[in-house]
């Protein structure tokens, strides 16, 4: 939800930030992504474009609240296998649009894995289809600093 502020923060830190939806032309996407040193995104199909990153690139996965287990197997493990330098940022409940949608002691907050065990469609509906994130800029800045450090090593 605060993509523009994150982009501005990245620019102020020295990143050459590009915010863009990917094209459907695979050749254009491959050439575009291959020009990156760092790629970041919220957990989802768009991160699959990491296959076009150059060697030793940094991949930053923003993991929405409740998606920790899925995120690791979908993107962390493949990124490690491709020898990318992987970073992740775990969204807290306070940074999630889920906060306030359910009663305070709801299992949606307490036990996302338990919700997943009740069925994929319900889990997906709550945590993937109906969740937006508003990153804490101070906390997320630390992840960007780590990326800068990785780039200089």
N, C-alpha and C. Protein backbone atom coordinates (compact mmCIF):
# COMPACT_ATOMS: atom_id res chain seq x y z
N UNK A 1 0.81 -1.19 0.00
CA UNK A 1 0.00 0.00 0.00
C UNK A 1 0.86 1.26 0.00
N UNK A 2 2.12 1.14 0.42
CA UNK A 2 3.00 2.32 0.44
C UNK A 2 4.19 2.14 -0.51
N UNK A 3 3.89 1.61 -1.68
CA UNK A 3 4.91 1.35 -2.69
C UNK A 3 5.70 2.61 -3.05
N UNK A 4 5.04 3.74 -3.21
CA UNK A 4 5.73 4.98 -3.60
C UNK A 4 6.73 5.40 -2.53
N UNK A 5 6.36 5.29 -1.26
CA UNK A 5 7.28 5.67 -0.18
C UNK A 5 8.49 4.72 -0.13
N UNK A 6 8.24 3.45 -0.38
CA UNK A 6 9.35 2.48 -0.39
C UNK A 6 10.29 2.78 -1.55
N UNK A 7 9.73 3.09 -2.72
CA UNK A 7 10.56 3.43 -3.88
C UNK A 7 11.38 4.68 -3.59
N UNK A 8 10.77 5.70 -3.00
CA UNK A 8 11.50 6.92 -2.65
C UNK A 8 12.63 6.63 -1.66
N UNK A 9 12.34 5.79 -0.67
CA UNK A 9 13.35 5.45 0.31
C UNK A 9 14.52 4.74 -0.37
N UNK A 10 14.22 3.81 -1.27
CA UNK A 10 15.27 3.10 -2.00
C UNK A 10 16.12 4.05 -2.83
N UNK A 11 15.47 4.99 -3.50
CA UNK A 11 16.23 5.98 -4.29
C UNK A 11 17.14 6.81 -3.39
N UNK A 12 16.62 7.22 -2.24
CA UNK A 12 17.42 8.01 -1.29
C UNK A 12 18.60 7.22 -0.72
N UNK A 13 18.49 5.90 -0.75
CA UNK A 13 19.58 5.06 -0.26
C UNK A 13 20.59 4.74 -1.35
N UNK A 14 20.30 5.13 -2.60
CA UNK A 14 21.23 4.91 -3.69
C UNK A 14 20.82 3.86 -4.71
N UNK A 15 19.68 3.25 -4.53
CA UNK A 15 19.20 2.29 -5.52
C UNK A 15 18.63 3.02 -6.73
N UNK A 16 18.79 2.46 -7.90
CA UNK A 16 18.14 2.94 -9.11
C UNK A 16 16.82 2.17 -9.19
N UNK A 17 15.76 2.75 -8.66
CA UNK A 17 14.49 2.05 -8.46
C UNK A 17 13.62 2.12 -9.71
N UNK A 18 13.08 0.97 -10.08
CA UNK A 18 12.10 0.88 -11.15
C UNK A 18 10.88 0.17 -10.58
N UNK A 19 9.72 0.81 -10.67
CA UNK A 19 8.47 0.20 -10.23
C UNK A 19 7.64 -0.01 -11.48
N UNK A 20 7.36 -1.28 -11.76
CA UNK A 20 6.68 -1.56 -13.02
C UNK A 20 6.03 -2.93 -12.98
N UNK A 21 4.85 -3.00 -13.58
CA UNK A 21 4.21 -4.29 -13.80
C UNK A 21 4.93 -4.95 -14.97
N UNK A 22 5.06 -6.26 -14.91
CA UNK A 22 5.78 -6.96 -15.96
C UNK A 22 4.93 -7.08 -17.22
N UNK A 23 5.62 -7.05 -18.34
CA UNK A 23 5.03 -7.21 -19.66
C UNK A 23 4.70 -8.70 -19.86
N UNK A 24 3.90 -8.99 -20.84
CA UNK A 24 3.60 -10.39 -21.16
C UNK A 24 4.60 -10.98 -22.14
N UNK A 25 5.44 -10.14 -22.73
CA UNK A 25 6.44 -10.60 -23.68
C UNK A 25 7.63 -11.16 -22.88
N UNK A 26 7.81 -12.46 -22.94
CA UNK A 26 8.83 -13.12 -22.12
C UNK A 26 10.23 -12.61 -22.44
N UNK A 27 10.52 -12.37 -23.70
CA UNK A 27 11.85 -11.88 -24.07
C UNK A 27 12.12 -10.52 -23.43
N UNK A 28 11.14 -9.62 -23.48
CA UNK A 28 11.30 -8.29 -22.87
C UNK A 28 11.46 -8.41 -21.36
N UNK A 29 10.68 -9.27 -20.74
CA UNK A 29 10.79 -9.47 -19.29
C UNK A 29 12.16 -10.02 -18.94
N UNK A 30 12.61 -11.01 -19.68
CA UNK A 30 13.92 -11.63 -19.41
C UNK A 30 15.04 -10.60 -19.51
N UNK A 31 15.02 -9.79 -20.56
CA UNK A 31 16.06 -8.77 -20.73
C UNK A 31 15.99 -7.72 -19.63
N UNK A 32 14.78 -7.32 -19.28
CA UNK A 32 14.58 -6.30 -18.25
C UNK A 32 15.07 -6.80 -16.89
N UNK A 33 14.61 -7.97 -16.48
CA UNK A 33 14.97 -8.52 -15.17
C UNK A 33 16.46 -8.84 -15.12
N UNK A 34 17.02 -9.26 -16.21
CA UNK A 34 18.44 -9.60 -16.23
C UNK A 34 19.33 -8.38 -16.02
N UNK A 35 18.76 -7.19 -16.12
CA UNK A 35 19.54 -5.96 -15.88
C UNK A 35 19.56 -5.56 -14.41
N UNK A 36 18.88 -6.29 -13.55
CA UNK A 36 18.78 -5.95 -12.13
C UNK A 36 19.93 -6.54 -11.32
N UNK A 37 20.33 -5.81 -10.30
CA UNK A 37 21.20 -6.35 -9.26
C UNK A 37 20.36 -6.84 -8.10
N UNK A 38 19.21 -6.19 -7.92
CA UNK A 38 18.29 -6.51 -6.83
C UNK A 38 16.88 -6.54 -7.40
N UNK A 39 16.13 -7.55 -7.00
CA UNK A 39 14.71 -7.62 -7.35
C UNK A 39 13.95 -7.87 -6.06
N UNK A 40 12.85 -7.14 -5.89
CA UNK A 40 12.05 -7.36 -4.70
C UNK A 40 10.58 -7.36 -5.07
N UNK A 41 9.81 -8.03 -4.25
CA UNK A 41 8.38 -8.04 -4.47
C UNK A 41 7.68 -8.76 -3.35
N UNK A 42 6.38 -8.54 -3.29
CA UNK A 42 5.55 -9.25 -2.32
C UNK A 42 5.34 -10.65 -2.85
N UNK A 43 5.34 -11.63 -1.95
CA UNK A 43 5.15 -13.03 -2.32
C UNK A 43 4.02 -13.15 -3.34
N UNK A 44 4.32 -13.77 -4.46
CA UNK A 44 3.34 -13.98 -5.51
C UNK A 44 4.02 -14.38 -6.80
N UNK A 45 3.22 -14.65 -7.80
CA UNK A 45 3.71 -15.18 -9.07
C UNK A 45 4.76 -14.29 -9.73
N UNK A 46 4.67 -12.98 -9.51
CA UNK A 46 5.64 -12.07 -10.13
C UNK A 46 7.08 -12.37 -9.74
N UNK A 47 7.28 -12.92 -8.55
CA UNK A 47 8.65 -13.25 -8.12
C UNK A 47 9.25 -14.39 -8.93
N UNK A 48 8.42 -15.11 -9.66
CA UNK A 48 8.92 -16.18 -10.50
C UNK A 48 9.88 -15.64 -11.56
N UNK A 49 9.76 -14.36 -11.86
CA UNK A 49 10.68 -13.74 -12.82
C UNK A 49 12.11 -13.75 -12.33
N UNK A 50 12.34 -14.19 -11.11
CA UNK A 50 13.70 -14.29 -10.60
C UNK A 50 14.55 -15.21 -11.47
N UNK A 51 13.93 -16.10 -12.22
CA UNK A 51 14.71 -17.00 -13.08
C UNK A 51 15.52 -16.24 -14.11
N UNK A 52 15.18 -14.99 -14.36
CA UNK A 52 15.90 -14.17 -15.34
C UNK A 52 16.98 -13.28 -14.71
N UNK A 53 17.10 -13.31 -13.38
CA UNK A 53 18.11 -12.49 -12.72
C UNK A 53 19.52 -12.95 -13.08
N UNK A 54 20.47 -12.04 -13.08
CA UNK A 54 21.86 -12.46 -13.32
C UNK A 54 22.42 -13.18 -12.09
N UNK A 55 23.53 -13.85 -12.29
CA UNK A 55 24.18 -14.55 -11.18
C UNK A 55 24.48 -13.59 -10.04
N UNK A 56 24.35 -14.09 -8.83
CA UNK A 56 24.68 -13.36 -7.60
C UNK A 56 23.77 -12.16 -7.33
N UNK A 57 22.65 -12.08 -8.01
CA UNK A 57 21.69 -11.01 -7.74
C UNK A 57 21.10 -11.20 -6.34
N UNK A 58 20.51 -10.15 -5.83
CA UNK A 58 19.83 -10.19 -4.54
C UNK A 58 18.33 -10.25 -4.79
N UNK A 59 17.67 -11.19 -4.15
CA UNK A 59 16.22 -11.30 -4.23
C UNK A 59 15.65 -10.99 -2.86
N UNK A 60 14.73 -10.03 -2.79
CA UNK A 60 14.06 -9.68 -1.55
C UNK A 60 12.59 -10.07 -1.68
N UNK A 61 12.19 -11.01 -0.85
CA UNK A 61 10.79 -11.43 -0.83
C UNK A 61 10.10 -10.79 0.37
N UNK A 62 9.03 -10.08 0.10
CA UNK A 62 8.21 -9.51 1.17
C UNK A 62 7.12 -10.54 1.46
N UNK A 63 7.12 -11.05 2.68
CA UNK A 63 6.22 -12.15 3.03
C UNK A 63 5.06 -11.62 3.85
N UNK A 64 3.85 -11.60 3.26
CA UNK A 64 2.68 -11.14 4.00
C UNK A 64 2.42 -11.99 5.25
N UNK A 65 1.73 -11.40 6.21
CA UNK A 65 1.39 -12.09 7.44
C UNK A 65 0.71 -13.42 7.12
N UNK A 66 1.19 -14.49 7.77
CA UNK A 66 0.59 -15.81 7.64
C UNK A 66 1.12 -16.67 6.52
N UNK A 67 2.02 -16.14 5.70
CA UNK A 67 2.50 -16.90 4.53
C UNK A 67 3.92 -17.42 4.68
N UNK A 68 4.44 -17.43 5.87
CA UNK A 68 5.84 -17.81 6.09
C UNK A 68 6.22 -19.15 5.47
N UNK A 69 5.43 -20.18 5.75
CA UNK A 69 5.79 -21.51 5.27
C UNK A 69 5.73 -21.62 3.75
N UNK A 70 4.71 -21.04 3.15
CA UNK A 70 4.61 -21.07 1.69
C UNK A 70 5.76 -20.32 1.04
N UNK A 71 6.07 -19.19 1.60
CA UNK A 71 7.08 -18.31 1.00
C UNK A 71 8.43 -19.01 0.91
N UNK A 72 8.78 -19.72 1.93
CA UNK A 72 10.09 -20.37 1.93
C UNK A 72 10.21 -21.40 0.80
N UNK A 73 9.21 -22.25 0.67
CA UNK A 73 9.31 -23.30 -0.35
C UNK A 73 9.12 -22.75 -1.77
N UNK A 74 8.33 -21.71 -1.93
CA UNK A 74 8.07 -21.18 -3.27
C UNK A 74 9.25 -20.38 -3.81
N UNK A 75 9.90 -19.58 -2.96
CA UNK A 75 10.93 -18.67 -3.48
C UNK A 75 12.28 -18.75 -2.78
N UNK A 76 12.31 -18.96 -1.47
CA UNK A 76 13.61 -19.00 -0.79
C UNK A 76 14.45 -20.18 -1.25
N UNK A 77 13.89 -21.36 -1.23
CA UNK A 77 14.66 -22.54 -1.60
C UNK A 77 15.13 -22.48 -3.06
N UNK A 78 14.26 -22.13 -4.02
CA UNK A 78 14.75 -21.99 -5.40
C UNK A 78 15.81 -20.89 -5.54
N UNK A 79 15.64 -19.78 -4.84
CA UNK A 79 16.63 -18.70 -4.92
C UNK A 79 17.99 -19.20 -4.41
N UNK A 80 17.97 -19.95 -3.34
CA UNK A 80 19.22 -20.51 -2.82
C UNK A 80 19.83 -21.49 -3.81
N UNK A 81 18.99 -22.32 -4.43
CA UNK A 81 19.49 -23.28 -5.42
C UNK A 81 20.10 -22.58 -6.63
N UNK A 82 19.57 -21.40 -6.98
CA UNK A 82 20.10 -20.63 -8.11
C UNK A 82 21.26 -19.73 -7.70
N UNK A 83 21.67 -19.86 -6.42
CA UNK A 83 22.79 -19.11 -5.86
C UNK A 83 22.58 -17.60 -5.87
N UNK A 84 21.33 -17.19 -5.69
CA UNK A 84 21.04 -15.78 -5.47
C UNK A 84 21.28 -15.49 -4.00
N UNK A 85 21.44 -14.25 -3.69
CA UNK A 85 21.55 -13.83 -2.30
C UNK A 85 20.13 -13.43 -1.89
N UNK A 86 19.57 -14.22 -1.02
CA UNK A 86 18.16 -14.11 -0.67
C UNK A 86 17.97 -13.36 0.65
N UNK A 87 17.04 -12.41 0.63
CA UNK A 87 16.62 -11.72 1.85
C UNK A 87 15.10 -11.78 1.90
N UNK A 88 14.58 -11.73 3.10
CA UNK A 88 13.13 -11.68 3.22
C UNK A 88 12.75 -10.66 4.28
N UNK A 89 11.55 -10.17 4.11
CA UNK A 89 10.98 -9.24 5.08
C UNK A 89 9.63 -9.81 5.46
N UNK A 90 9.48 -10.16 6.73
CA UNK A 90 8.22 -10.73 7.22
C UNK A 90 7.32 -9.62 7.72
N UNK A 91 6.18 -9.49 7.08
CA UNK A 91 5.19 -8.47 7.42
C UNK A 91 4.55 -8.83 8.75
N UNK A 92 4.54 -7.89 9.67
CA UNK A 92 3.87 -8.11 10.95
C UNK A 92 2.38 -7.87 10.79
N UNK A 93 1.62 -8.32 11.75
CA UNK A 93 0.18 -8.11 11.71
C UNK A 93 -0.14 -6.62 11.66
N UNK A 94 0.66 -5.80 12.33
CA UNK A 94 0.44 -4.35 12.31
C UNK A 94 0.63 -3.73 10.93
N UNK A 95 1.34 -4.42 10.04
CA UNK A 95 1.58 -3.92 8.69
C UNK A 95 0.60 -4.53 7.67
N UNK A 96 -0.31 -5.34 8.16
CA UNK A 96 -1.23 -6.07 7.29
C UNK A 96 -2.63 -5.47 7.33
N UNK A 97 -3.28 -5.51 6.19
CA UNK A 97 -4.68 -5.05 6.13
C UNK A 97 -5.63 -6.03 6.83
N UNK A 98 -5.11 -7.18 7.24
CA UNK A 98 -5.95 -8.14 7.98
C UNK A 98 -6.31 -7.63 9.37
N UNK A 99 -5.43 -6.80 9.93
CA UNK A 99 -5.66 -6.28 11.28
C UNK A 99 -6.99 -5.52 11.32
N UNK A 100 -7.85 -5.95 12.19
CA UNK A 100 -9.16 -5.31 12.34
C UNK A 100 -10.27 -5.97 11.54
N UNK A 101 -9.93 -6.87 10.64
CA UNK A 101 -10.97 -7.56 9.87
C UNK A 101 -11.63 -8.69 10.66
N UNK A 102 -10.95 -9.16 11.67
CA UNK A 102 -11.43 -10.30 12.46
C UNK A 102 -11.35 -9.96 13.93
N UNK A 103 -12.09 -10.69 14.77
CA UNK A 103 -12.01 -10.44 16.22
C UNK A 103 -10.57 -10.57 16.73
N UNK A 104 -10.25 -9.85 17.78
CA UNK A 104 -8.88 -9.76 18.30
C UNK A 104 -8.22 -11.12 18.52
N UNK A 105 -8.95 -12.09 19.05
CA UNK A 105 -8.36 -13.40 19.36
C UNK A 105 -8.65 -14.44 18.29
N UNK A 106 -8.93 -14.00 17.08
CA UNK A 106 -9.27 -14.90 15.98
C UNK A 106 -8.10 -15.81 15.63
N UNK A 107 -8.43 -17.02 15.19
CA UNK A 107 -7.39 -17.95 14.74
C UNK A 107 -6.66 -17.41 13.51
N UNK A 108 -7.28 -16.49 12.78
CA UNK A 108 -6.62 -15.91 11.62
C UNK A 108 -5.36 -15.15 12.03
N UNK A 109 -5.33 -14.66 13.24
CA UNK A 109 -4.15 -13.96 13.76
C UNK A 109 -3.25 -14.91 14.55
N UNK A 110 -3.86 -15.78 15.32
CA UNK A 110 -3.10 -16.65 16.22
C UNK A 110 -2.44 -17.83 15.52
N UNK A 111 -3.12 -18.44 14.54
CA UNK A 111 -2.64 -19.71 13.99
C UNK A 111 -2.88 -19.82 12.49
N UNK A 112 -2.18 -19.02 11.68
CA UNK A 112 -2.36 -19.13 10.23
C UNK A 112 -2.16 -20.55 9.69
N UNK A 113 -1.22 -21.29 10.27
CA UNK A 113 -0.98 -22.66 9.81
C UNK A 113 -2.21 -23.52 10.08
N UNK A 114 -2.86 -23.31 11.20
CA UNK A 114 -4.09 -24.04 11.50
C UNK A 114 -5.19 -23.73 10.50
N UNK A 115 -5.27 -22.51 10.06
CA UNK A 115 -6.25 -22.12 9.05
C UNK A 115 -5.92 -22.83 7.74
N UNK A 116 -4.63 -22.92 7.42
CA UNK A 116 -4.20 -23.61 6.20
C UNK A 116 -4.64 -25.06 6.22
N UNK A 117 -4.58 -25.69 7.38
CA UNK A 117 -4.97 -27.10 7.51
C UNK A 117 -6.47 -27.31 7.29
N UNK A 118 -7.26 -26.25 7.31
CA UNK A 118 -8.70 -26.36 7.09
C UNK A 118 -9.08 -26.30 5.62
N UNK A 119 -8.12 -26.07 4.77
CA UNK A 119 -8.40 -26.05 3.34
C UNK A 119 -7.73 -24.90 2.62
N UNK A 120 -7.24 -25.20 1.44
CA UNK A 120 -6.49 -24.25 0.64
C UNK A 120 -7.32 -23.03 0.26
N UNK A 121 -8.56 -23.23 -0.18
CA UNK A 121 -9.36 -22.11 -0.67
C UNK A 121 -9.63 -21.07 0.42
N UNK A 122 -9.94 -21.53 1.62
CA UNK A 122 -10.17 -20.59 2.72
C UNK A 122 -8.90 -19.86 3.11
N UNK A 123 -7.81 -20.60 3.18
CA UNK A 123 -6.52 -20.01 3.52
C UNK A 123 -6.13 -18.96 2.48
N UNK A 124 -6.22 -19.34 1.22
CA UNK A 124 -5.85 -18.41 0.14
C UNK A 124 -6.73 -17.16 0.17
N UNK A 125 -8.02 -17.36 0.40
CA UNK A 125 -8.94 -16.23 0.42
C UNK A 125 -8.54 -15.20 1.47
N UNK A 126 -8.16 -15.68 2.65
CA UNK A 126 -7.81 -14.77 3.75
C UNK A 126 -6.44 -14.15 3.53
N UNK A 127 -5.42 -14.98 3.38
CA UNK A 127 -4.04 -14.50 3.44
C UNK A 127 -3.46 -14.04 2.12
N UNK A 128 -4.01 -14.49 1.00
CA UNK A 128 -3.44 -14.12 -0.29
C UNK A 128 -4.34 -13.16 -1.08
N UNK A 129 -5.61 -13.46 -1.13
CA UNK A 129 -6.50 -12.66 -1.97
C UNK A 129 -7.01 -11.39 -1.29
N UNK A 130 -7.04 -11.39 0.03
CA UNK A 130 -7.65 -10.26 0.75
C UNK A 130 -6.71 -9.59 1.73
N UNK A 131 -5.44 -9.60 1.40
CA UNK A 131 -4.46 -8.97 2.28
C UNK A 131 -3.58 -8.01 1.48
N UNK A 132 -3.47 -6.82 1.97
CA UNK A 132 -2.52 -5.84 1.44
C UNK A 132 -1.52 -5.55 2.55
N UNK A 133 -0.37 -5.03 2.16
CA UNK A 133 0.66 -4.73 3.15
C UNK A 133 1.05 -3.26 3.08
N UNK A 134 1.35 -2.72 4.24
CA UNK A 134 1.80 -1.34 4.39
C UNK A 134 3.07 -1.42 5.24
N UNK A 135 4.22 -1.50 4.58
CA UNK A 135 5.47 -1.78 5.28
C UNK A 135 5.89 -0.64 6.20
N UNK A 136 6.40 -1.03 7.36
CA UNK A 136 7.00 -0.08 8.29
C UNK A 136 8.33 0.34 7.67
N UNK A 137 8.44 1.58 7.27
CA UNK A 137 9.62 2.06 6.54
C UNK A 137 10.91 1.91 7.35
N UNK A 138 10.84 2.17 8.64
CA UNK A 138 12.03 2.05 9.49
C UNK A 138 12.51 0.60 9.51
N UNK A 139 11.60 -0.33 9.70
CA UNK A 139 11.98 -1.75 9.73
C UNK A 139 12.46 -2.23 8.36
N UNK A 140 11.74 -1.85 7.32
CA UNK A 140 12.10 -2.32 5.98
C UNK A 140 13.44 -1.74 5.52
N UNK A 141 13.76 -0.56 5.97
CA UNK A 141 15.04 0.06 5.62
C UNK A 141 16.20 -0.86 5.97
N UNK A 142 16.08 -1.58 7.08
CA UNK A 142 17.13 -2.52 7.49
C UNK A 142 17.36 -3.60 6.43
N UNK A 143 16.30 -4.05 5.80
CA UNK A 143 16.42 -5.06 4.75
C UNK A 143 17.14 -4.48 3.54
N UNK A 144 16.81 -3.24 3.19
CA UNK A 144 17.49 -2.59 2.07
C UNK A 144 18.97 -2.35 2.37
N UNK A 145 19.28 -2.03 3.64
CA UNK A 145 20.68 -1.87 4.03
C UNK A 145 21.44 -3.19 3.87
N UNK A 146 20.82 -4.29 4.22
CA UNK A 146 21.43 -5.61 4.05
C UNK A 146 21.69 -5.88 2.57
N UNK A 147 20.74 -5.49 1.71
CA UNK A 147 20.93 -5.68 0.27
C UNK A 147 22.12 -4.87 -0.22
N UNK A 148 22.24 -3.63 0.22
CA UNK A 148 23.39 -2.80 -0.16
C UNK A 148 24.70 -3.44 0.27
N UNK A 149 24.71 -3.98 1.47
CA UNK A 149 25.91 -4.63 1.98
C UNK A 149 26.27 -5.86 1.12
N UNK A 150 25.25 -6.63 0.75
CA UNK A 150 25.50 -7.79 -0.11
C UNK A 150 26.05 -7.38 -1.48
N UNK A 151 25.56 -6.29 -2.00
CA UNK A 151 26.02 -5.82 -3.31
C UNK A 151 27.49 -5.38 -3.27
N UNK A 152 27.92 -4.90 -2.12
CA UNK A 152 29.31 -4.42 -2.02
C UNK A 152 30.28 -5.54 -1.67
N UNK A 153 29.76 -6.74 -1.42
CA UNK A 153 30.67 -7.85 -1.07
C UNK A 153 30.96 -8.75 -2.23
